[in-house]
């Protein structure tokens, strides 16, 4: 699968310049140095996965809102992750051409498009009907044929596992055991775990019945819904 390329070589093209600045000023300084990932971000048309009302935000270092009022959309998690977070997650998961990938939280479909450019196939689950439809339309317009968006509650994963890679495009309080069981032997799960003000990207690798966990970097992200939260009850 190949994403449509931005073939403009015009240095005066404001979109091309904004994309270049995003990569050089936000993404590369955040230790995203994988040449394949950087090349992909240089041609993936992020602006086409952003609602027209927020097109000016496409390359900003923010969570771009996707539905309705901007502040409410971000608070509800109806937003795209920051470009540097998307890029670092993609790099750390080390997607292979033979990988079957499950994404939780399709959003606008942009992360699914990036994953699909490197994987064999992608299944992306989205619980919000409007976002599921947005993601489908964006992926279709981008010519992505190996990513499927399903309207579903992602907290229990998909019924047609196992998967080589599972990625959560949002945060959870703890690594979901229900999703770990859907990892193939040798598979990887990536999730942003914890509570504000500091969360950590957590990478889990499966080896037989063992799970090796590392948490290489800090960030924050909106919550994915229907995943367990720790009890707030105190004596």
C-alpha atoms as a PDB file:
ATOM      1  CA  UNK A   1       0.000   0.000   0.000  1.00  0.00           C
ATOM      2  CA  UNK A   2       1.266   3.476  -0.853  1.00  0.00           C
ATOM      3  CA  UNK A   3      -0.043   6.776   0.416  1.00  0.00           C
ATOM      4  CA  UNK A   4      -0.539   9.485  -2.198  1.00  0.00           C
ATOM      5  CA  UNK A   5       2.590  11.583  -2.357  1.00  0.00           C
ATOM      6  CA  UNK A   6       2.872  15.298  -1.959  1.00  0.00           C
ATOM      7  CA  UNK A   7       4.964  15.851  -5.072  1.00  0.00           C
ATOM      8  CA  UNK A   8       5.242  19.633  -4.785  1.00  0.00           C
ATOM      9  CA  UNK A   9       8.880  20.749  -4.791  1.00  0.00           C
ATOM     10  CA  UNK A  10       7.962  24.434  -4.629  1.00  0.00           C
ATOM     11  CA  UNK A  11       9.765  25.942  -1.623  1.00  0.00           C
ATOM     12  CA  UNK A  12       7.100  28.651  -1.559  1.00  0.00           C
ATOM     13  CA  UNK A  13       4.320  26.098  -1.014  1.00  0.00           C
ATOM     14  CA  UNK A  14       3.007  26.981   2.483  1.00  0.00           C
ATOM     15  CA  UNK A  15       1.690  23.453   3.145  1.00  0.00           C
ATOM     16  CA  UNK A  16       4.990  21.850   2.150  1.00  0.00           C
ATOM     17  CA  UNK A  17       6.839  24.325   4.340  1.00  0.00           C
ATOM     18  CA  UNK A  18       4.504  23.720   7.289  1.00  0.00           C
ATOM     19  CA  UNK A  19       4.966  19.954   6.947  1.00  0.00           C
ATOM     20  CA  UNK A  20       8.754  20.387   6.792  1.00  0.00           C
ATOM     21  CA  UNK A  21       8.695  22.598   9.892  1.00  0.00           C
ATOM     22  CA  UNK A  22       6.551  20.051  11.739  1.00  0.00           C
ATOM     23  CA  UNK A  23       9.104  17.327  11.054  1.00  0.00           C
ATOM     24  CA  UNK A  24      12.235  19.370  11.717  1.00  0.00           C
ATOM     25  CA  UNK A  25      11.033  21.466  14.670  1.00  0.00           C
ATOM     26  CA  UNK A  26       8.650  19.102  16.481  1.00  0.00           C
ATOM     27  CA  UNK A  27       9.233  15.497  15.465  1.00  0.00           C
ATOM     28  CA  UNK A  28      12.960  15.072  14.843  1.00  0.00           C
ATOM     29  CA  UNK A  29      13.938  16.891  18.092  1.00  0.00           C
ATOM     30  CA  UNK A  30      11.723  14.405  19.960  1.00  0.00           C
ATOM     31  CA  UNK A  31      14.168  11.602  19.126  1.00  0.00           C
ATOM     32  CA  UNK A  32      12.266  10.397  16.079  1.00  0.00           C
ATOM     33  CA  UNK A  33      15.246   9.522  13.891  1.00  0.00           C
ATOM     34  CA  UNK A  34      14.008   6.479  11.947  1.00  0.00           C
ATOM     35  CA  UNK A  35      14.515   7.465   8.313  1.00  0.00           C
ATOM     36  CA  UNK A  36      11.549   5.404   7.104  1.00  0.00           C
ATOM     37  CA  UNK A  37       9.220   7.070   9.608  1.00  0.00           C
ATOM     38  CA  UNK A  38      10.466  10.549   8.698  1.00  0.00           C
ATOM     39  CA  UNK A  39      10.118   9.806   4.977  1.00  0.00           C
ATOM     40  CA  UNK A  40       6.550   8.613   5.543  1.00  0.00           C
ATOM     41  CA  UNK A  41       5.620  11.744   7.494  1.00  0.00           C
ATOM     42  CA  UNK A  42       7.051  13.869   4.689  1.00  0.00           C
ATOM     43  CA  UNK A  43       4.564  12.436   2.175  1.00  0.00           C
ATOM     44  CA  UNK A  44       1.524  11.607   4.333  1.00  0.00           C
ATOM     45  CA  UNK A  45      -1.019  14.394   3.875  1.00  0.00           C
ATOM     46  CA  UNK A  46      -1.939  15.104   7.482  1.00  0.00           C
ATOM     47  CA  UNK A  47      -3.903  18.163   6.422  1.00  0.00           C
ATOM     48  CA  UNK A  48      -6.408  15.953   4.604  1.00  0.00           C
ATOM     49  CA  UNK A  49      -7.290  14.158   7.867  1.00  0.00           C
ATOM     50  CA  UNK A  50      -8.108  17.408   9.704  1.00  0.00           C
ATOM     51  CA  UNK A  51     -11.647  18.888   9.592  1.00  0.00           C
ATOM     52  CA  UNK A  52     -11.804  21.984   7.345  1.00  0.00           C
ATOM     53  CA  UNK A  53     -12.709  24.184  10.324  1.00  0.00           C
ATOM     54  CA  UNK A  54      -9.353  23.361  11.914  1.00  0.00           C
ATOM     55  CA  UNK A  55      -7.188  23.123   8.801  1.00  0.00           C
ATOM     56  CA  UNK A  56      -4.876  25.858  10.101  1.00  0.00           C
ATOM     57  CA  UNK A  57      -3.974  23.550  13.020  1.00  0.00           C
ATOM     58  CA  UNK A  58      -2.942  20.564  10.901  1.00  0.00           C
ATOM     59  CA  UNK A  59       0.792  20.868  11.562  1.00  0.00           C
ATOM     60  CA  UNK A  60       0.730  22.492  15.008  1.00  0.00           C
ATOM     61  CA  UNK A  61       2.113  20.850  18.151  1.00  0.00           C
ATOM     62  CA  UNK A  62      -1.375  20.423  19.619  1.00  0.00           C
ATOM     63  CA  UNK A  63      -4.204  17.906  19.810  1.00  0.00           C
ATOM     64  CA  UNK A  64      -6.339  18.916  16.821  1.00  0.00           C
ATOM     65  CA  UNK A  65     -10.093  18.808  17.609  1.00  0.00           C
ATOM     66  CA  UNK A  66     -12.262  16.687  15.346  1.00  0.00           C
ATOM     67  CA  UNK A  67     -15.879  17.348  16.336  1.00  0.00           C
ATOM     68  CA  UNK A  68     -17.823  20.473  17.278  1.00  0.00           C
ATOM     69  CA  UNK A  69     -16.462  22.950  19.809  1.00  0.00           C
ATOM     70  CA  UNK A  70     -12.665  22.764  19.962  1.00  0.00           C
ATOM     71  CA  UNK A  71     -12.277  22.797  23.749  1.00  0.00           C
ATOM     72  CA  UNK A  72     -15.067  20.275  24.320  1.00  0.00           C
ATOM     73  CA  UNK A  73     -13.715  17.995  21.576  1.00  0.00           C
ATOM     74  CA  UNK A  74     -10.257  17.834  23.141  1.00  0.00           C
ATOM     75  CA  UNK A  75     -11.679  17.276  26.636  1.00  0.00           C
ATOM     76  CA  UNK A  76     -13.833  14.419  25.317  1.00  0.00           C
ATOM     77  CA  UNK A  77     -10.877  12.878  23.512  1.00  0.00           C
ATOM     78  CA  UNK A  78     -12.324  13.635  20.085  1.00  0.00           C
ATOM     79  CA  UNK A  79      -8.995  14.863  18.785  1.00  0.00           C
ATOM     80  CA  UNK A  80      -5.817  13.839  16.986  1.00  0.00           C
ATOM     81  CA  UNK A  81      -2.699  13.184  19.036  1.00  0.00           C
ATOM     82  CA  UNK A  82       0.158  15.655  18.688  1.00  0.00           C
ATOM     83  CA  UNK A  83       2.277  14.949  15.587  1.00  0.00           C
ATOM     84  CA  UNK A  84       5.404  14.205  17.659  1.00  0.00           C
ATOM     85  CA  UNK A  85       3.496  11.670  19.763  1.00  0.00           C
ATOM     86  CA  UNK A  86       2.100   9.918  16.686  1.00  0.00           C
ATOM     87  CA  UNK A  87       5.586   9.770  15.167  1.00  0.00           C
ATOM     88  CA  UNK A  88       7.305   8.471  18.305  1.00  0.00           C
ATOM     89  CA  UNK A  89       4.654   5.766  18.779  1.00  0.00           C
ATOM     90  CA  UNK A  90       5.043   4.711  15.143  1.00  0.00           C
ATOM     91  CA  UNK A  91       8.831   4.555  15.492  1.00  0.00           C
ATOM     92  CA  UNK A  92       8.810   2.578  18.758  1.00  0.00           C
ATOM     93  CA  UNK A  93       6.338  -0.023  17.504  1.00  0.00           C
ATOM     94  CA  UNK A  94       8.714  -0.863  14.625  1.00  0.00           C
ATOM     95  CA  UNK A  95       5.937  -1.966  12.263  1.00  0.00           C
ATOM     96  CA  UNK A  96       6.913  -4.695   9.792  1.00  0.00           C
ATOM     97  CA  UNK A  97       5.384  -5.347   6.338  1.00  0.00           C
ATOM     98  CA  UNK A  98       3.979  -8.665   7.577  1.00  0.00           C
ATOM     99  CA  UNK A  99       2.286  -7.180  10.669  1.00  0.00           C
ATOM    100  CA  UNK A 100      -1.444  -7.298  11.285  1.00  0.00           C
ATOM    101  CA  UNK A 101      -2.267  -4.247  13.408  1.00  0.00           C
ATOM    102  CA  UNK A 102      -5.164  -3.392  15.722  1.00  0.00           C
ATOM    103  CA  UNK A 103      -5.684   0.272  16.583  1.00  0.00           C
ATOM    104  CA  UNK A 104      -7.991   1.427  19.386  1.00  0.00           C
ATOM    105  CA  UNK A 105      -9.407   4.865  18.628  1.00  0.00           C
ATOM    106  CA  UNK A 106      -9.533   5.651  14.910  1.00  0.00           C
ATOM    107  CA  UNK A 107     -10.187   9.368  15.303  1.00  0.00           C
ATOM    108  CA  UNK A 108      -9.785  10.952  11.878  1.00  0.00           C
ATOM    109  CA  UNK A 109      -8.004   7.905  10.434  1.00  0.00           C
ATOM    110  CA  UNK A 110      -4.578   9.527  10.193  1.00  0.00           C
ATOM    111  CA  UNK A 111      -2.761   7.125  12.503  1.00  0.00           C
ATOM    112  CA  UNK A 112      -4.438   4.194  10.733  1.00  0.00           C
ATOM    113  CA  UNK A 113      -3.085   5.563   7.444  1.00  0.00           C
ATOM    114  CA  UNK A 114       0.443   5.773   8.844  1.00  0.00           C
ATOM    115  CA  UNK A 115       0.207   2.253  10.252  1.00  0.00           C
ATOM    116  CA  UNK A 116      -1.212   0.914   6.985  1.00  0.00           C
ATOM    117  CA  UNK A 117       1.696   2.391   5.032  1.00  0.00           C
ATOM    118  CA  UNK A 118       4.055   0.071   6.928  1.00  0.00           C
ATOM    119  CA  UNK A 119       1.890  -2.945   7.862  1.00  0.00           C
ATOM    120  CA  UNK A 120       0.155  -5.698   5.971  1.00  0.00           C
ATOM    121  CA  UNK A 121      -3.262  -4.677   7.303  1.00  0.00           C
ATOM    122  CA  UNK A 122      -4.897  -2.502   9.966  1.00  0.00           C
ATOM    123  CA  UNK A 123      -8.156  -2.867  11.878  1.00  0.00           C
ATOM    124  CA  UNK A 124      -9.108   0.370  13.641  1.00  0.00           C
ATOM    125  CA  UNK A 125     -11.906   0.429  16.236  1.00  0.00           C
ATOM    126  CA  UNK A 126     -13.838   3.631  16.946  1.00  0.00           C
ATOM    127  CA  UNK A 127     -16.693   3.972  19.442  1.00  0.00           C
ATOM    128  CA  UNK A 128     -18.003   7.366  18.226  1.00  0.00           C
ATOM    129  CA  UNK A 129     -20.144   6.939  15.082  1.00  0.00           C
ATOM    130  CA  UNK A 130     -19.267  10.362  13.635  1.00  0.00           C
ATOM    131  CA  UNK A 131     -15.557   9.693  14.012  1.00  0.00           C
ATOM    132  CA  UNK A 132     -15.824   6.199  12.552  1.00  0.00           C
ATOM    133  CA  UNK A 133     -17.489   7.651   9.464  1.00  0.00           C
ATOM    134  CA  UNK A 134     -14.928  10.465   9.255  1.00  0.00           C
ATOM    135  CA  UNK A 135     -12.055   7.985   9.435  1.00  0.00           C
ATOM    136  CA  UNK A 136     -13.583   5.761   6.729  1.00  0.00           C
ATOM    137  CA  UNK A 137     -14.101   8.705   4.384  1.00  0.00           C
ATOM    138  CA  UNK A 138     -10.599  10.076   4.966  1.00  0.00           C
ATOM    139  CA  UNK A 139      -8.934   6.713   4.365  1.00  0.00           C
ATOM    140  CA  UNK A 140     -10.992   6.176   1.219  1.00  0.00           C
ATOM    141  CA  UNK A 141     -10.072   9.632  -0.082  1.00  0.00           C
ATOM    142  CA  UNK A 142      -6.401   8.929   0.646  1.00  0.00           C
ATOM    143  CA  UNK A 143      -6.520   5.677  -1.312  1.00  0.00           C
ATOM    144  CA  UNK A 144      -5.697   3.518   1.722  1.00  0.00           C
ATOM    145  CA  UNK A 145      -7.020   0.038   0.961  1.00  0.00           C
ATOM    146  CA  UNK A 146      -5.540  -2.083   3.735  1.00  0.00           C
ATOM    147  CA  UNK A 147      -7.129  -0.319   6.730  1.00  0.00           C
ATOM    148  CA  UNK A 148     -10.624  -1.147   7.966  1.00  0.00           C
ATOM    149  CA  UNK A 149     -12.543   1.067  10.424  1.00  0.00           C
ATOM    150  CA  UNK A 150     -15.119  -0.646  12.628  1.00  0.00           C
ATOM    151  CA  UNK A 151     -17.699   1.037  14.850  1.00  0.00           C
ATOM    152  CA  UNK A 152     -16.967  -0.796  18.094  1.00  0.00           C
ATOM    153  CA  UNK A 153     -15.970  -0.510  21.754  1.00  0.00           C
ATOM    154  CA  UNK A 154     -12.227  -1.077  21.661  1.00  0.00           C
ATOM    155  CA  UNK A 155     -11.827  -1.898  25.353  1.00  0.00           C
ATOM    156  CA  UNK A 156     -12.325  -5.594  24.611  1.00  0.00           C
ATOM    157  CA  UNK A 157     -10.367  -5.596  21.370  1.00  0.00           C
ATOM    158  CA  UNK A 158     -11.527  -7.402  18.237  1.00  0.00           C
ATOM    159  CA  UNK A 159     -12.932 -10.890  17.805  1.00  0.00           C
ATOM    160  CA  UNK A 160     -10.610 -11.814  14.940  1.00  0.00           C
ATOM    161  CA  UNK A 161      -7.242 -11.634  16.700  1.00  0.00           C
ATOM    162  CA  UNK A 162      -4.484 -12.341  17.397  1.00  0.00           C
ATOM    163  CA  UNK A 163      -2.570  -9.300  16.171  1.00  0.00           C
ATOM    164  CA  UNK A 164       1.137  -8.613  15.744  1.00  0.00           C
ATOM    165  CA  UNK A 165       0.746  -5.039  16.960  1.00  0.00           C
ATOM    166  CA  UNK A 166      -1.902  -3.318  19.094  1.00  0.00           C
ATOM    167  CA  UNK A 167      -1.738   0.464  19.459  1.00  0.00           C
ATOM    168  CA  UNK A 168      -3.957   2.633  21.644  1.00  0.00           C
ATOM    169  CA  UNK A 169      -4.430   6.110  20.167  1.00  0.00           C
ATOM    170  CA  UNK A 170      -5.266   7.646  23.521  1.00  0.00           C
ATOM    171  CA  UNK A 171      -4.480   7.044  27.167  1.00  0.00           C
ATOM    172  CA  UNK A 172      -5.541   4.433  29.724  1.00  0.00           C
ATOM    173  CA  UNK A 173      -4.979   4.131  33.471  1.00  0.00           C
ATOM    174  CA  UNK A 174      -3.263   0.755  33.151  1.00  0.00           C
ATOM    175  CA  UNK A 175      -2.249  -1.686  30.438  1.00  0.00           C
ATOM    176  CA  UNK A 176      -5.466  -3.556  29.472  1.00  0.00           C
ATOM    177  CA  UNK A 177      -5.101  -7.297  30.096  1.00  0.00           C
ATOM    178  CA  UNK A 178      -7.991  -7.977  27.698  1.00  0.00           C
ATOM    179  CA  UNK A 179      -5.858  -6.613  24.858  1.00  0.00           C
ATOM    180  CA  UNK A 180      -2.671  -8.375  25.916  1.00  0.00           C
ATOM    181  CA  UNK A 181      -4.441 -11.684  25.385  1.00  0.00           C
ATOM    182  CA  UNK A 182      -4.976 -10.715  21.733  1.00  0.00           C
ATOM    183  CA  UNK A 183      -1.253 -10.259  21.052  1.00  0.00           C
ATOM    184  CA  UNK A 184       0.445 -12.875  18.916  1.00  0.00           C
ATOM    185  CA  UNK A 185       3.635 -14.416  20.279  1.00  0.00           C
ATOM    186  CA  UNK A 186       6.338 -11.873  19.489  1.00  0.00           C
ATOM    187  CA  UNK A 187       3.779  -9.085  19.226  1.00  0.00           C
ATOM    188  CA  UNK A 188       3.928  -5.554  20.658  1.00  0.00           C
ATOM    189  CA  UNK A 189       1.357  -3.371  22.378  1.00  0.00           C
ATOM    190  CA  UNK A 190       1.847   0.379  22.678  1.00  0.00           C
ATOM    191  CA  UNK A 191      -0.217   2.529  25.032  1.00  0.00           C
ATOM    192  CA  UNK A 192       0.023   5.828  26.888  1.00  0.00           C
ATOM    193  CA  UNK A 193      -0.510   4.811  30.508  1.00  0.00           C
ATOM    194  CA  UNK A 194      -1.100   6.691  33.751  1.00  0.00           C
ATOM    195  CA  UNK A 195      -2.792   9.826  35.013  1.00  0.00           C
ATOM    196  CA  UNK A 196      -2.243  13.536  34.500  1.00  0.00           C
ATOM    197  CA  UNK A 197      -0.012  15.437  34.858  1.00  0.00           C
ATOM    198  CA  UNK A 198       2.449  12.729  33.778  1.00  0.00           C
ATOM    199  CA  UNK A 199       1.763   9.614  31.738  1.00  0.00           C
ATOM    200  CA  UNK A 200       4.256   7.263  30.099  1.00  0.00           C
ATOM    201  CA  UNK A 201       4.286   5.571  26.759  1.00  0.00           C
ATOM    202  CA  UNK A 202       4.396   1.880  27.623  1.00  0.00           C
ATOM    203  CA  UNK A 203       5.581  -0.800  25.226  1.00  0.00           C
ATOM    204  CA  UNK A 204       4.718  -4.427  26.001  1.00  0.00           C
ATOM    205  CA  UNK A 205       6.331  -7.311  24.103  1.00  0.00           C
ATOM    206  CA  UNK A 206       4.901 -10.820  24.288  1.00  0.00           C
ATOM    207  CA  UNK A 207       7.169 -13.867  24.430  1.00  0.00           C
ATOM    208  CA  UNK A 208       5.079 -16.988  24.977  1.00  0.00           C
ATOM    209  CA  UNK A 209       3.222 -16.431  28.240  1.00  0.00           C
ATOM    210  CA  UNK A 210       5.631 -13.698  29.359  1.00  0.00           C
ATOM    211  CA  UNK A 211       5.193  -9.963  28.835  1.00  0.00           C
ATOM    212  CA  UNK A 212       8.172  -7.609  28.910  1.00  0.00           C
ATOM    213  CA  UNK A 213       7.283  -3.992  29.638  1.00  0.00           C
ATOM    214  CA  UNK A 214       9.284  -0.808  29.079  1.00  0.00           C
ATOM    215  CA  UNK A 215       8.190   2.820  29.516  1.00  0.00           C
ATOM    216  CA  UNK A 216      10.680   4.886  27.518  1.00  0.00           C
ATOM    217  CA  UNK A 217       9.144   8.390  27.522  1.00  0.00           C
ATOM    218  CA  UNK A 218       6.632  10.737  29.148  1.00  0.00           C
ATOM    219  CA  UNK A 219       3.670  12.423  27.520  1.00  0.00           C
ATOM    220  CA  UNK A 220      -0.061  12.997  28.055  1.00  0.00           C
ATOM    221  CA  UNK A 221      -3.084  12.101  25.927  1.00  0.00           C
ATOM    222  CA  UNK A 222      -6.890  12.180  26.209  1.00  0.00           C
ATOM    223  CA  UNK A 223      -8.573   9.173  27.785  1.00  0.00           C
ATOM    224  CA  UNK A 224     -10.011   6.313  25.780  1.00  0.00           C
ATOM    225  CA  UNK A 225     -13.470   5.433  27.074  1.00  0.00           C
ATOM    226  CA  UNK A 226     -14.651   2.230  28.783  1.00  0.00           C
ATOM    227  CA  UNK A 227     -11.214   1.163  30.020  1.00  0.00           C
ATOM    228  CA  UNK A 228     -10.878   0.483  33.776  1.00  0.00           C
ATOM    229  CA  UNK A 229      -9.979   3.357  36.068  1.00  0.00           C
ATOM    230  CA  UNK A 230      -8.400   2.869  39.500  1.00  0.00           C
ATOM    231  CA  UNK A 231     -10.827   3.258  42.379  1.00  0.00           C
ATOM    232  CA  UNK A 232     -10.869   6.732  43.950  1.00  0.00           C
ATOM    233  CA  UNK A 233     -12.277   5.352  47.206  1.00  0.00           C
ATOM    234  CA  UNK A 234     -10.226   6.101  50.306  1.00  0.00           C
ATOM    235  CA  UNK A 235     -10.803   5.358  54.001  1.00  0.00           C
END
